[in-house]
PDB file of N, CA and C in Angstrom:
ATOM      1  N   MET A   1     -51.664  77.413  18.284  1.00  0.00           N
ATOM      2  CA  MET A   1     -51.732  76.037  17.615  1.00  0.00           C
ATOM      3  C   MET A   1     -52.864  75.263  18.542  1.00  0.00           C
ATOM      4  N   ASN A   2     -52.725  73.955  18.008  1.00  0.00           N
ATOM      5  CA  ASN A   2     -53.947  73.258  19.391  1.00  0.00           C
ATOM      6  C   ASN A   2     -52.904  71.892  19.912  1.00  0.00           C
ATOM      7  N   ALA A   3     -53.594  71.469  20.770  1.00  0.00           N
ATOM      8  CA  ALA A   3     -53.165  70.777  21.083  1.00  0.00           C
ATOM      9  C   ALA A   3     -52.042  69.520  20.912  1.00  0.00           C
ATOM     10  N   PHE A   4     -52.346  69.320  19.127  1.00  0.00           N
ATOM     11  CA  PHE A   4     -51.500  68.397  18.847  1.00  0.00           C
ATOM     12  C   PHE A   4     -50.763  69.062  17.693  1.00  0.00           C
ATOM     13  N   ALA A   5     -50.364  70.346  18.014  1.00  0.00           N
ATOM     14  CA  ALA A   5     -49.564  70.655  16.931  1.00  0.00           C
ATOM     15  C   ALA A   5     -48.173  70.979  17.494  1.00  0.00           C
ATOM     16  N   VAL A   6     -46.782  70.752  16.839  1.00  0.00           N
ATOM     17  CA  VAL A   6     -45.757  70.785  17.088  1.00  0.00           C
ATOM     18  C   VAL A   6     -44.965  71.731  16.052  1.00  0.00           C
ATOM     19  N   ASP A   7     -44.355  72.455  16.892  1.00  0.00           N
ATOM     20  CA  ASP A   7     -43.062  73.302  16.298  1.00  0.00           C
ATOM     21  C   ASP A   7     -41.898  72.287  15.925  1.00  0.00           C
ATOM     22  N   LYS A   8     -41.549  71.952  14.504  1.00  0.00           N
ATOM     23  CA  LYS A   8     -40.280  71.331  14.374  1.00  0.00           C
ATOM     24  C   LYS A   8     -38.875  72.380  13.733  1.00  0.00           C
ATOM     25  N   MET A   9     -39.633  73.564  13.444  1.00  0.00           N
ATOM     26  CA  MET A   9     -38.307  74.682  13.162  1.00  0.00           C
ATOM     27  C   MET A   9     -38.641  75.888  13.680  1.00  0.00           C
ATOM     28  N   PRO A  10     -37.524  76.561  14.339  1.00  0.00           N
ATOM     29  CA  PRO A  10     -38.163  78.069  14.441  1.00  0.00           C
ATOM     30  C   PRO A  10     -38.649  78.880  13.167  1.00  0.00           C
ATOM     31  N   ASP A  11     -39.564  79.968  13.318  1.00  0.00           N
ATOM     32  CA  ASP A  11     -39.643  81.078  12.908  1.00  0.00           C
ATOM     33  C   ASP A  11     -38.214  81.716  11.688  1.00  0.00           C
ATOM     34  N   VAL A  12     -38.375  81.610  10.537  1.00  0.00           N
ATOM     35  CA  VAL A  12     -37.429  82.158  10.098  1.00  0.00           C
ATOM     36  C   VAL A  12     -37.723  84.068   9.264  1.00  0.00           C
ATOM     37  N   ILE A  13     -37.085  84.829   9.756  1.00  0.00           N
ATOM     38  CA  ILE A  13     -37.295  86.276   9.967  1.00  0.00           C
ATOM     39  C   ILE A  13     -36.304  86.907   9.405  1.00  0.00           C
ATOM     40  N   ALA A  14     -36.764  87.678   8.426  1.00  0.00           N
ATOM     41  CA  ALA A  14     -35.599  88.868   7.643  1.00  0.00           C
ATOM     42  C   ALA A  14     -36.270  89.867   7.475  1.00  0.00           C
ATOM     43  N   ARG A  15     -35.180  90.961   7.530  1.00  0.00           N
ATOM     44  CA  ARG A  15     -35.632  92.348   7.790  1.00  0.00           C
ATOM     45  C   ARG A  15     -34.741  93.053   7.072  1.00  0.00           C
ATOM     46  N   TRP A  16     -35.193  94.484   6.874  1.00  0.00           N
ATOM     47  CA  TRP A  16     -34.412  95.611   6.009  1.00  0.00           C
ATOM     48  C   TRP A  16     -35.076  96.601   6.590  1.00  0.00           C
ATOM     49  N   ARG A  17     -34.115  97.578   6.849  1.00  0.00           N
ATOM     50  CA  ARG A  17     -34.482  99.049   6.909  1.00  0.00           C
ATOM     51  C   ARG A  17     -33.458  99.957   6.927  1.00  0.00           C
ATOM     52  N   TYR A  18     -34.122 101.262   5.911  1.00  0.00           N
ATOM     53  CA  TYR A  18     -33.342 102.386   5.351  1.00  0.00           C
ATOM     54  C   TYR A  18     -33.939 103.606   6.593  1.00  0.00           C
ATOM     55  N   LYS A  19     -32.944 104.098   6.958  1.00  0.00           N
ATOM     56  CA  LYS A  19     -32.954 105.493   7.505  1.00  0.00           C
ATOM     57  C   LYS A  19     -32.898 106.615   6.855  1.00  0.00           C
ATOM     58  N   ALA A  20     -33.056 107.882   6.850  1.00  0.00           N
ATOM     59  CA  ALA A  20     -32.674 108.828   6.439  1.00  0.00           C
ATOM     60  C   ALA A  20     -33.252 110.226   7.188  1.00  0.00           C
ATOM     61  N   SER A  21     -32.739 111.414   6.776  1.00  0.00           N
ATOM     62  CA  SER A  21     -33.106 112.986   7.188  1.00  0.00           C
ATOM     63  C   SER A  21     -35.125 112.887   7.086  1.00  0.00           C
ATOM     64  N   TRP A  22     -35.221 112.570   6.200  1.00  0.00           N
ATOM     65  CA  TRP A  22     -36.581 112.877   5.762  1.00  0.00           C
ATOM     66  C   TRP A  22     -37.506 111.429   6.962  1.00  0.00           C
ATOM     67  N   GLY A  23     -36.951 110.612   7.196  1.00  0.00           N
ATOM     68  CA  GLY A  23     -37.525 109.614   7.835  1.00  0.00           C
ATOM     69  C   GLY A  23     -36.940 108.054   7.782  1.00  0.00           C
ATOM     70  N   ALA A  24     -37.836 107.089   7.928  1.00  0.00           N
ATOM     71  CA  ALA A  24     -36.922 105.635   7.727  1.00  0.00           C
ATOM     72  C   ALA A  24     -38.250 104.793   6.637  1.00  0.00           C
ATOM     73  N   VAL A  25     -37.942 104.028   6.356  1.00  0.00           N
ATOM     74  CA  VAL A  25     -38.890 102.622   5.827  1.00  0.00           C
ATOM     75  C   VAL A  25     -38.451 101.440   6.043  1.00  0.00           C
ATOM     76  N   ASN A  26     -38.968 100.181   6.354  1.00  0.00           N
ATOM     77  CA  ASN A  26     -38.783  98.850   6.580  1.00  0.00           C
ATOM     78  C   ASN A  26     -39.443  97.863   6.168  1.00  0.00           C
ATOM     79  N   VAL A  27     -38.943  97.011   5.516  1.00  0.00           N
ATOM     80  CA  VAL A  27     -39.507  95.964   5.351  1.00  0.00           C
ATOM     81  C   VAL A  27     -39.169  94.244   5.532  1.00  0.00           C
ATOM     82  N   SER A  28     -39.991  93.440   6.334  1.00  0.00           N
ATOM     83  CA  SER A  28     -39.325  92.225   6.610  1.00  0.00           C
ATOM     84  C   SER A  28     -40.305  90.941   6.085  1.00  0.00           C
ATOM     85  N   GLY A  29     -40.226  90.223   6.239  1.00  0.00           N
ATOM     86  CA  GLY A  29     -40.602  88.813   6.266  1.00  0.00           C
ATOM     87  C   GLY A  29     -40.586  87.985   6.966  1.00  0.00           C
ATOM     88  N   VAL A  30     -41.148  86.693   7.159  1.00  0.00           N
ATOM     89  CA  VAL A  30     -41.461  85.638   8.037  1.00  0.00           C
ATOM     90  C   VAL A  30     -41.522  84.497   7.273  1.00  0.00           C
ATOM     91  N   ALA A  31     -40.805  83.260   7.706  1.00  0.00           N
ATOM     92  CA  ALA A  31     -41.389  81.996   6.920  1.00  0.00           C
ATOM     93  C   ALA A  31     -41.790  80.886   8.141  1.00  0.00           C
ATOM     94  N   ARG A  32     -42.771  80.364   7.983  1.00  0.00           N
ATOM     95  CA  ARG A  32     -43.257  79.598   9.124  1.00  0.00           C
ATOM     96  C   ARG A  32     -43.375  77.698   8.603  1.00  0.00           C
ATOM     97  N   TYR A  33     -43.285  77.166   9.292  1.00  0.00           N
ATOM     98  CA  TYR A  33     -43.428  75.333   9.217  1.00  0.00           C
ATOM     99  C   TYR A  33     -44.090  75.154  10.422  1.00  0.00           C
ATOM    100  N   PHE A  34     -45.615  74.526   9.851  1.00  0.00           N
ATOM    101  CA  PHE A  34     -46.823  73.962  10.982  1.00  0.00           C
ATOM    102  C   PHE A  34     -46.818  72.861  10.660  1.00  0.00           C
ATOM    103  N   ASN A  35     -46.993  71.821  11.513  1.00  0.00           N
ATOM    104  CA  ASN A  35     -46.956  70.258  11.833  1.00  0.00           C
ATOM    105  C   ASN A  35     -48.323  70.043  12.428  1.00  0.00           C
ATOM    106  N   TYR A  36     -49.217  69.243  12.149  1.00  0.00           N
ATOM    107  CA  TYR A  36     -50.315  68.484  13.087  1.00  0.00           C
ATOM    108  C   TYR A  36     -49.779  67.454  13.469  1.00  0.00           C
ATOM    109  N   ASN A  37     -49.917  66.750  14.082  1.00  0.00           N
ATOM    110  CA  ASN A  37     -50.013  64.958  14.249  1.00  0.00           C
ATOM    111  C   ASN A  37     -50.432  64.564  15.638  1.00  0.00           C
ATOM    112  N   GLN A  38     -52.226  64.029  15.442  1.00  0.00           N
ATOM    113  CA  GLN A  38     -52.870  63.645  16.719  1.00  0.00           C
ATOM    114  C   GLN A  38     -52.939  61.950  16.044  1.00  0.00           C
ATOM    115  N   GLY A  39     -51.916  61.217  15.475  1.00  0.00           N
ATOM    116  CA  GLY A  39     -51.661  59.907  15.242  1.00  0.00           C
ATOM    117  C   GLY A  39     -52.828  59.646  14.449  1.00  0.00           C
ATOM    118  N   ASN A  40     -52.928  57.968  14.753  1.00  0.00           N
ATOM    119  CA  ASN A  40     -54.205  57.378  13.614  1.00  0.00           C
ATOM    120  C   ASN A  40     -54.365  57.822  12.239  1.00  0.00           C
ATOM    121  N   PHE A  41     -52.871  58.293  11.273  1.00  0.00           N
ATOM    122  CA  PHE A  41     -53.155  58.754  10.178  1.00  0.00           C
ATOM    123  C   PHE A  41     -54.092  60.441  10.079  1.00  0.00           C
ATOM    124  N   PHE A  42     -53.922  60.705  11.240  1.00  0.00           N
ATOM    125  CA  PHE A  42     -54.429  62.445  11.150  1.00  0.00           C
ATOM    126  C   PHE A  42     -53.136  63.233  11.596  1.00  0.00           C
ATOM    127  N   ASN A  43     -52.703  63.310  10.476  1.00  0.00           N
ATOM    128  CA  ASN A  43     -51.692  64.355  10.336  1.00  0.00           C
ATOM    129  C   ASN A  43     -51.735  65.123   8.855  1.00  0.00           C
ATOM    130  N   ASP A  44     -50.630  66.186   9.065  1.00  0.00           N
ATOM    131  CA  ASP A  44     -50.756  67.150   7.848  1.00  0.00           C
ATOM    132  C   ASP A  44     -49.347  68.165   8.276  1.00  0.00           C
ATOM    133  N   SER A  45     -48.663  68.576   7.272  1.00  0.00           N
ATOM    134  CA  SER A  45     -48.060  69.863   7.423  1.00  0.00           C
ATOM    135  C   SER A  45     -48.019  70.642   6.604  1.00  0.00           C
ATOM    136  N   THR A  46     -47.456  72.051   6.764  1.00  0.00           N
ATOM    137  CA  THR A  46     -48.092  73.491   5.583  1.00  0.00           C
ATOM    138  C   THR A  46     -47.449  74.067   5.894  1.00  0.00           C
ATOM    139  N   PHE A  47     -46.385  75.065   4.991  1.00  0.00           N
ATOM    140  CA  PHE A  47     -45.778  76.389   5.321  1.00  0.00           C
ATOM    141  C   PHE A  47     -46.758  77.449   5.201  1.00  0.00           C
ATOM    142  N   GLY A  48     -46.418  78.245   5.826  1.00  0.00           N
ATOM    143  CA  GLY A  48     -47.080  79.921   6.028  1.00  0.00           C
ATOM    144  C   GLY A  48     -46.036  81.038   5.808  1.00  0.00           C
ATOM    145  N   GLY A  49     -46.288  82.429   5.941  1.00  0.00           N
ATOM    146  CA  GLY A  49     -45.358  83.220   5.962  1.00  0.00           C
ATOM    147  C   GLY A  49     -46.013  84.601   5.735  1.00  0.00           C
ATOM    148  N   GLY A  50     -45.491  85.476   5.872  1.00  0.00           N
ATOM    149  CA  GLY A  50     -45.927  86.758   5.733  1.00  0.00           C
ATOM    150  C   GLY A  50     -44.939  88.110   5.182  1.00  0.00           C
ATOM    151  N   VAL A  51     -45.591  88.954   4.925  1.00  0.00           N
ATOM    152  CA  VAL A  51     -44.730  90.553   4.878  1.00  0.00           C
ATOM    153  C   VAL A  51     -45.184  91.489   5.652  1.00  0.00           C
ATOM    154  N   HIS A  52     -44.293  92.365   5.937  1.00  0.00           N
ATOM    155  CA  HIS A  52     -44.534  93.339   6.824  1.00  0.00           C
ATOM    156  C   HIS A  52     -43.778  94.597   6.053  1.00  0.00           C
ATOM    157  N   GLY A  53     -44.596  95.918   5.730  1.00  0.00           N
ATOM    158  CA  GLY A  53     -43.871  96.793   5.864  1.00  0.00           C
ATOM    159  C   GLY A  53     -44.460  98.408   6.732  1.00  0.00           C
ATOM    160  N   GLY A  54     -43.195  99.151   6.378  1.00  0.00           N
ATOM    161  CA  GLY A  54     -43.623 100.292   7.530  1.00  0.00           C
ATOM    162  C   GLY A  54     -42.887 101.635   7.098  1.00  0.00           C
ATOM    163  N   ALA A  55     -43.563 102.812   7.571  1.00  0.00           N
ATOM    164  CA  ALA A  55     -42.152 104.048   7.252  1.00  0.00           C
ATOM    165  C   ALA A  55     -43.036 104.862   8.094  1.00  0.00           C
ATOM    166  N   THR A  56     -41.923 105.758   8.123  1.00  0.00           N
ATOM    167  CA  THR A  56     -41.949 106.886   9.535  1.00  0.00           C
ATOM    168  C   THR A  56     -41.438 107.784   8.573  1.00  0.00           C
ATOM    169  N   ILE A  57     -42.431 109.216   8.450  1.00  0.00           N
ATOM    170  CA  ILE A  57     -42.042 110.245   7.204  1.00  0.00           C
ATOM    171  C   ILE A  57     -42.364 111.553   8.370  1.00  0.00           C
ATOM    172  N   ASN A  58     -41.149 112.351   8.537  1.00  0.00           N
ATOM    173  CA  ASN A  58     -40.792 113.373   9.326  1.00  0.00           C
ATOM    174  C   ASN A  58     -41.795 114.302   8.025  1.00  0.00           C
ATOM    175  N   THR A  59     -42.841 115.318   9.002  1.00  0.00           N
ATOM    176  CA  THR A  59     -43.268 116.304   8.054  1.00  0.00           C
ATOM    177  C   THR A  59     -43.218 117.648   8.600  1.00  0.00           C
ATOM    178  N   TRP A  60     -43.668 118.355   9.532  1.00  0.00           N
ATOM    179  CA  TRP A  60     -43.504 120.014   9.811  1.00  0.00           C
ATOM    180  C   TRP A  60     -42.905 119.955  11.378  1.00  0.00           C
ATOM    181  N   GLY A  61     -41.794 120.805  11.584  1.00  0.00           N
ATOM    182  CA  GLY A  61     -41.010 120.321  12.696  1.00  0.00           C
ATOM    183  C   GLY A  61     -40.985 119.152  13.454  1.00  0.00           C
ATOM    184  N   LYS A  62     -41.721 118.760  14.408  1.00  0.00           N
ATOM    185  CA  LYS A  62     -41.543 117.411  15.144  1.00  0.00           C
ATOM    186  C   LYS A  62     -42.580 116.310  14.586  1.00  0.00           C
ATOM    187  N   ASP A  63     -43.012 117.105  14.230  1.00  0.00           N
ATOM    188  CA  ASP A  63     -44.535 116.165  13.581  1.00  0.00           C
ATOM    189  C   ASP A  63     -44.442 114.693  13.085  1.00  0.00           C
ATOM    190  N   VAL A  64     -44.624 113.646  13.126  1.00  0.00           N
ATOM    191  CA  VAL A  64     -44.301 112.079  12.505  1.00  0.00           C
ATOM    192  C   VAL A  64     -45.779 111.777  12.055  1.00  0.00           C
ATOM    193  N   LEU A  65     -45.471 111.212  10.671  1.00  0.00           N
ATOM    194  CA  LEU A  65     -46.703 110.403  10.004  1.00  0.00           C
ATOM    195  C   LEU A  65     -46.086 109.144   9.864  1.00  0.00           C
ATOM    196  N   LYS A  66     -46.743 108.102  10.376  1.00  0.00           N
ATOM    197  CA  LYS A  66     -46.196 106.683  10.728  1.00  0.00           C
ATOM    198  C   LYS A  66     -47.270 105.689  10.137  1.00  0.00           C
ATOM    199  N   GLY A  67     -46.638 104.696   9.504  1.00  0.00           N
ATOM    200  CA  GLY A  67     -48.045 103.074   9.214  1.00  0.00           C
ATOM    201  C   GLY A  67     -47.149 102.118   9.149  1.00  0.00           C
ATOM    202  N   THR A  68     -47.783 100.819   8.894  1.00  0.00           N
ATOM    203  CA  THR A  68     -47.612  99.599   8.739  1.00  0.00           C
ATOM    204  C   THR A  68     -48.931  98.779   7.882  1.00  0.00           C
ATOM    205  N   PHE A  69     -48.303  97.904   7.445  1.00  0.00           N
ATOM    206  CA  PHE A  69     -48.869  97.227   6.508  1.00  0.00           C
ATOM    207  C   PHE A  69     -48.425  95.370   7.114  1.00  0.00           C
ATOM    208  N   ASN A  70     -49.325  94.458   7.334  1.00  0.00           N
ATOM    209  CA  ASN A  70     -49.118  93.597   7.703  1.00  0.00           C
ATOM    210  C   ASN A  70     -49.899  92.183   6.799  1.00  0.00           C
ATOM    211  N   TYR A  71     -49.122  91.251   6.038  1.00  0.00           N
ATOM    212  CA  TYR A  71     -50.390  90.303   5.140  1.00  0.00           C
ATOM    213  C   TYR A  71     -49.455  88.956   5.005  1.00  0.00           C
ATOM    214  N   GLY A  72     -50.096  87.956   5.228  1.00  0.00           N
ATOM    215  CA  GLY A  72     -49.896  86.433   4.857  1.00  0.00           C
ATOM    216  C   GLY A  72     -50.362  85.462   5.410  1.00  0.00           C
ATOM    217  N   PRO A  73     -50.580  84.303   4.952  1.00  0.00           N
ATOM    218  CA  PRO A  73     -51.138  82.990   5.684  1.00  0.00           C
ATOM    219  C   PRO A  73     -50.384  82.585   6.382  1.00  0.00           C
ATOM    220  N   GLY A  74     -50.999  82.664   8.085  1.00  0.00           N
ATOM    221  CA  GLY A  74     -50.160  81.693   9.166  1.00  0.00           C
ATOM    222  C   GLY A  74     -49.452  82.451  10.193  1.00  0.00           C
ATOM    223  N   ILE A  75     -49.962  84.067  10.267  1.00  0.00           N
ATOM    224  CA  ILE A  75     -49.111  85.037  10.743  1.00  0.00           C
ATOM    225  C   ILE A  75     -49.869  85.308  11.637  1.00  0.00           C
ATOM    226  N   GLY A  76     -50.329  84.836  12.322  1.00  0.00           N
ATOM    227  CA  GLY A  76     -51.462  85.119  13.485  1.00  0.00           C
ATOM    228  C   GLY A  76     -50.704  85.586  14.865  1.00  0.00           C
ATOM    229  N   ARG A  77     -49.858  84.920  14.908  1.00  0.00           N
ATOM    230  CA  ARG A  77     -49.408  85.085  16.328  1.00  0.00           C
ATOM    231  C   ARG A  77     -48.121  86.821  16.141  1.00  0.00           C
ATOM    232  N   TYR A  78     -48.437  86.858  14.791  1.00  0.00           N
ATOM    233  CA  TYR A  78     -47.464  88.097  14.873  1.00  0.00           C
ATOM    234  C   TYR A  78     -48.429  89.240  14.580  1.00  0.00           C
ATOM    235  N   ILE A  79     -49.804  89.367  14.382  1.00  0.00           N
ATOM    236  CA  ILE A  79     -50.701  90.194  14.442  1.00  0.00           C
ATOM    237  C   ILE A  79     -51.854  90.478  15.672  1.00  0.00           C
ATOM    238  N   ARG A  80     -52.150  89.195  15.998  1.00  0.00           N
ATOM    239  CA  ARG A  80     -53.068  89.226  17.136  1.00  0.00           C
ATOM    240  C   ARG A  80     -52.094  88.993  18.435  1.00  0.00           C
ATOM    241  N   ASP A  81     -53.122  88.589  19.528  1.00  0.00           N
ATOM    242  CA  ASP A  81     -52.797  88.711  20.960  1.00  0.00           C
ATOM    243  C   ASP A  81     -52.739  87.392  21.088  1.00  0.00           C
ATOM    244  N   ALA A  82     -51.654  86.684  21.963  1.00  0.00           N
ATOM    245  CA  ALA A  82     -51.575  85.308  21.507  1.00  0.00           C
ATOM    246  C   ALA A  82     -52.452  84.795  22.628  1.00  0.00           C
ATOM    247  N   ALA A  83     -53.154  85.559  23.738  1.00  0.00           N
ATOM    248  CA  ALA A  83     -54.269  85.163  24.523  1.00  0.00           C
ATOM    249  C   ALA A  83     -55.596  84.660  23.689  1.00  0.00           C
ATOM    250  N   ALA A  84     -55.209  84.802  22.330  1.00  0.00           N
ATOM    251  CA  ALA A  84     -56.690  85.159  21.756  1.00  0.00           C
ATOM    252  C   ALA A  84     -56.871  84.029  21.096  1.00  0.00           C
ATOM    253  N   GLY A  85     -55.599  83.037  21.260  1.00  0.00           N
ATOM    254  CA  GLY A  85     -56.027  81.234  20.748  1.00  0.00           C
ATOM    255  C   GLY A  85     -55.185  81.256  19.292  1.00  0.00           C
ATOM    256  N   ASN A  86     -55.607  80.321  18.587  1.00  0.00           N
ATOM    257  CA  ASN A  86     -55.052  79.524  17.627  1.00  0.00           C
ATOM    258  C   ASN A  86     -55.682  80.969  16.708  1.00  0.00           C
ATOM    259  N   THR A  87     -54.595  81.354  15.845  1.00  0.00           N
ATOM    260  CA  THR A  87     -55.270  82.308  14.867  1.00  0.00           C
ATOM    261  C   THR A  87     -54.337  81.834  13.680  1.00  0.00           C
ATOM    262  N   ASP A  88     -53.358  80.797  13.909  1.00  0.00           N
ATOM    263  CA  ASP A  88     -52.435  80.683  12.811  1.00  0.00           C
ATOM    264  C   ASP A  88     -52.878  79.723  11.472  1.00  0.00           C
ATOM    265  N   THR A  89     -53.706  78.497  12.173  1.00  0.00           N
ATOM    266  CA  THR A  89     -54.170  77.576  11.520  1.00  0.00           C
ATOM    267  C   THR A  89     -55.065  76.354  11.902  1.00  0.00           C
ATOM    268  N   TYR A  90     -56.075  75.807  10.999  1.00  0.00           N
ATOM    269  CA  TYR A  90     -56.994  75.199  11.558  1.00  0.00           C
ATOM    270  C   TYR A  90     -56.860  73.884  10.675  1.00  0.00           C
ATOM    271  N   VAL A  91     -57.858  72.677  11.201  1.00  0.00           N
ATOM    272  CA  VAL A  91     -57.700  71.416  10.737  1.00  0.00           C
ATOM    273  C   VAL A  91     -58.721  71.295  10.004  1.00  0.00           C
ATOM    274  N   THR A  92     -59.278  70.608   8.682  1.00  0.00           N
ATOM    275  CA  THR A  92     -60.293  70.014   8.383  1.00  0.00           C
ATOM    276  C   THR A  92     -59.764  68.533   7.675  1.00  0.00           C
ATOM    277  N   CYS A  93     -61.402  67.744   7.342  1.00  0.00           N
ATOM    278  CA  CYS A  93     -60.958  66.940   6.790  1.00  0.00           C
ATOM    279  C   CYS A  93     -60.582  66.747   5.456  1.00  0.00           C
ATOM    280  N   SER A  94     -59.511  65.822   5.001  1.00  0.00           N
ATOM    281  CA  SER A  94     -58.942  65.932   3.423  1.00  0.00           C
ATOM    282  C   SER A  94     -60.245  65.660   2.559  1.00  0.00           C
ATOM    283  N   ASN A  95     -60.818  64.679   3.262  1.00  0.00           N
ATOM    284  CA  ASN A  95     -61.624  64.204   1.794  1.00  0.00           C
ATOM    285  C   ASN A  95     -62.856  65.206   2.030  1.00  0.00           C
ATOM    286  N   GLY A  96     -62.878  66.617   2.277  1.00  0.00           N
ATOM    287  CA  GLY A  96     -63.560  67.506   1.845  1.00  0.00           C
ATOM    288  C   GLY A  96     -65.006  67.664   2.843  1.00  0.00           C
ATOM    289  N   SER A  97     -65.005  66.774   3.929  1.00  0.00           N
ATOM    290  CA  SER A  97     -65.876  66.349   4.941  1.00  0.00           C
ATOM    291  C   SER A  97     -65.895  67.802   5.911  1.00  0.00           C
ATOM    292  N   ASN A  98     -66.245  68.065   6.804  1.00  0.00           N
ATOM    293  CA  ASN A  98     -66.015  69.151   8.079  1.00  0.00           C
ATOM    294  C   ASN A  98     -65.898  68.045   9.155  1.00  0.00           C
ATOM    295  N   ALA A  99     -66.579  66.814   9.363  1.00  0.00           N
ATOM    296  CA  ALA A  99     -66.651  65.477  10.041  1.00  0.00           C
ATOM    297  C   ALA A  99     -65.399  65.255  10.250  1.00  0.00           C
ATOM    298  N   ILE A 100     -64.137  66.112  10.904  1.00  0.00           N
ATOM    299  CA  ILE A 100     -62.892  65.815  11.341  1.00  0.00           C
ATOM    300  C   ILE A 100     -62.497  64.786  11.933  1.00  0.00           C
ATOM    301  N   MET A 101     -61.656  64.131  12.419  1.00  0.00           N
ATOM    302  CA  MET A 101     -61.665  62.674  13.035  1.00  0.00           C
ATOM    303  C   MET A 101     -62.080  61.876  12.829  1.00  0.00           C
ATOM    304  N   THR A 102     -62.708  61.666  11.911  1.00  0.00           N
ATOM    305  CA  THR A 102     -63.458  60.053  11.821  1.00  0.00           C
ATOM    306  C   THR A 102     -62.680  59.585  10.504  1.00  0.00           C
ATOM    307  N   ALA A 103     -63.269  58.119  11.042  1.00  0.00           N
ATOM    308  CA  ALA A 103     -62.097  56.913  10.137  1.00  0.00           C
ATOM    309  C   ALA A 103     -62.464  57.809   8.575  1.00  0.00           C
ATOM    310  N   GLY A 104     -61.363  57.095   8.052  1.00  0.00           N
ATOM    311  CA  GLY A 104     -61.060  57.369   6.275  1.00  0.00           C
ATOM    312  C   GLY A 104     -60.960  59.158   6.314  1.00  0.00           C
ATOM    313  N   CYS A 105     -61.113  60.173   6.962  1.00  0.00           N
ATOM    314  CA  CYS A 105     -61.053  61.136   7.219  1.00  0.00           C
ATOM    315  C   CYS A 105     -59.293  61.845   6.610  1.00  0.00           C
ATOM    316  N   GLY A 106     -58.569  61.625   7.473  1.00  0.00           N
ATOM    317  CA  GLY A 106     -57.097  62.140   7.249  1.00  0.00           C
ATOM    318  C   GLY A 106     -57.194  63.691   7.603  1.00  0.00           C
ATOM    319  N   ALA A 107     -56.329  64.396   8.071  1.00  0.00           N
ATOM    320  CA  ALA A 107     -56.077  65.400   8.468  1.00  0.00           C
ATOM    321  C   ALA A 107     -55.805  66.588   7.555  1.00  0.00           C
ATOM    322  N   SER A 108     -56.374  67.520   7.126  1.00  0.00           N
ATOM    323  CA  SER A 108     -56.044  68.704   6.266  1.00  0.00           C
ATOM    324  C   SER A 108     -55.464  70.013   7.070  1.00  0.00           C
ATOM    325  N   LEU A 109     -54.515  70.201   6.854  1.00  0.00           N
ATOM    326  CA  LEU A 109     -53.666  71.385   7.806  1.00  0.00           C
ATOM    327  C   LEU A 109     -53.984  72.763   6.930  1.00  0.00           C
ATOM    328  N   GLN A 110     -54.822  73.779   7.201  1.00  0.00           N
ATOM    329  CA  GLN A 110     -55.128  75.020   6.397  1.00  0.00           C
ATOM    330  C   GLN A 110     -54.405  76.042   7.243  1.00  0.00           C
ATOM    331  N   THR A 111     -53.775  77.297   6.508  1.00  0.00           N
ATOM    332  CA  THR A 111     -53.307  78.294   7.549  1.00  0.00           C
ATOM    333  C   THR A 111     -54.335  79.787   6.943  1.00  0.00           C
ATOM    334  N   VAL A 112     -54.519  80.223   8.415  1.00  0.00           N
ATOM    335  CA  VAL A 112     -55.432  81.796   8.366  1.00  0.00           C
ATOM    336  C   VAL A 112     -54.766  82.764   7.540  1.00  0.00           C
ATOM    337  N   THR A 113     -55.301  83.290   6.586  1.00  0.00           N
ATOM    338  CA  THR A 113     -54.409  84.243   5.738  1.00  0.00           C
ATOM    339  C   THR A 113     -54.872  85.470   6.628  1.00  0.00           C
ATOM    340  N   MET A 114     -54.189  86.355   7.145  1.00  0.00           N
ATOM    341  CA  MET A 114     -54.197  87.595   8.088  1.00  0.00           C
ATOM    342  C   MET A 114     -53.669  89.041   7.143  1.00  0.00           C
ATOM    343  N   MET A 115     -54.422  89.640   7.259  1.00  0.00           N
ATOM    344  CA  MET A 115     -54.219  91.266   7.019  1.00  0.00           C
ATOM    345  C   MET A 115     -54.529  92.207   8.112  1.00  0.00           C
ATOM    346  N   GLY A 116     -53.469  93.372   8.312  1.00  0.00           N
ATOM    347  CA  GLY A 116     -53.560  94.240   9.740  1.00  0.00           C
ATOM    348  C   GLY A 116     -52.577  95.715   9.158  1.00  0.00           C
ATOM    349  N   GLY A 117     -52.933  96.560   9.792  1.00  0.00           N
ATOM    350  CA  GLY A 117     -52.077  97.690   9.781  1.00  0.00           C
ATOM    351  C   GLY A 117     -52.493  98.817  10.462  1.00  0.00           C
ATOM    352  N   TRP A 118     -51.971 100.024  10.614  1.00  0.00           N
ATOM    353  CA  TRP A 118     -52.429 101.113  11.224  1.00  0.00           C
ATOM    354  C   TRP A 118     -51.846 102.450  10.822  1.00  0.00           C
ATOM    355  N   ALA A 119     -52.465 103.357  11.041  1.00  0.00           N
ATOM    356  CA  ALA A 119     -52.147 104.742  10.313  1.00  0.00           C
ATOM    357  C   ALA A 119     -51.818 105.513  11.522  1.00  0.00           C
ATOM    358  N   ALA A 120     -50.818 106.362  12.113  1.00  0.00           N
ATOM    359  CA  ALA A 120     -50.979 107.543  12.972  1.00  0.00           C
ATOM    360  C   ALA A 120     -50.348 108.809  12.574  1.00  0.00           C
ATOM    361  N   TYR A 121     -50.650 110.075  13.409  1.00  0.00           N
ATOM    362  CA  TYR A 121     -50.139 111.294  12.648  1.00  0.00           C
ATOM    363  C   TYR A 121     -49.802 111.496  14.198  1.00  0.00           C
ATOM    364  N   GLN A 122     -48.420 111.894  14.558  1.00  0.00           N
ATOM    365  CA  GLN A 122     -47.934 112.093  15.884  1.00  0.00           C
ATOM    366  C   GLN A 122     -47.732 113.881  15.660  1.00  0.00           C
ATOM    367  N   HIS A 123     -47.715 114.400  16.363  1.00  0.00           N
ATOM    368  CA  HIS A 123     -47.729 116.010  16.950  1.00  0.00           C
ATOM    369  C   HIS A 123     -47.269 116.219  18.232  1.00  0.00           C
TER     370      HIS A 123
END
């Protein structure tokens, strides 16, 4: 987040995993609350969150097929490197103008929707 963002609650995460002789599947989700406050009526808040799904499937011998998928608004911290900067939210002017932080503008906090995943075959 940016210099005026304040975390008012922790991320809430739920996870379910099922493991069997053929492999495993897991599903998880996260809910997040974002708050922006620069003062002078430049403040807003919004919710974000996302889902994750993954599977590991045993194939032949010790070979394994693996993959995951992630999707959601405001899950940048779970997909990208934290050093990459703010990937969760951005602030625009609530009256539709791109001139943020001008008189009469007001802040409109928006989440960035991200999607990612990977697949691999381990031999």
